[in-house]
């Protein structure tokens, strides 16, 4: 009679009891990578929307605080500088945004005779004010060293008062 060892070996080779675990591990890792990628891209899009919104709001805040703004008694808000714009924008409580990572640069790009009586900054009505907001978004991906993505948006409007 023959030896039964080759038949036993063949049965072990055809056994697929561990294949389901391996397939699940591969499928789950791909699925979780996609889910974390969607979360990361959604957070980045949300943050960029805030950066663009903050640039527009900061510009609107600055255009009504020019050099010819009447006294506080007439209802005009106090004069605003670049530091005031940054303080104002950092005070906006937007969920999920770290206000300390928000950098605001305010410039009055127009110069020349239209700047009389105010020349530094040139914040007379009819001149421009430009607000640039930048934000460092931390990227939180498992098993990846902490990095950040830089976002920036600029808005420019004409000073009204």
Foldseek 3Di string as FASTA:
>chain_A
DDDCVVVVVVVVVPDCPCVVVVVVVVVVVVVVVVVLVVVQVVLVVVVLVLQQVLQVVLQVVQLQQFPPNDDVVVPRDHHDDQVNSLVVSLPPDDPPANSVQKDKDKAFPDADPCQPPHGVRSRDFFTKMKMKIKGWAWGDDPPDPIDTDIHMDMDMDGRHD
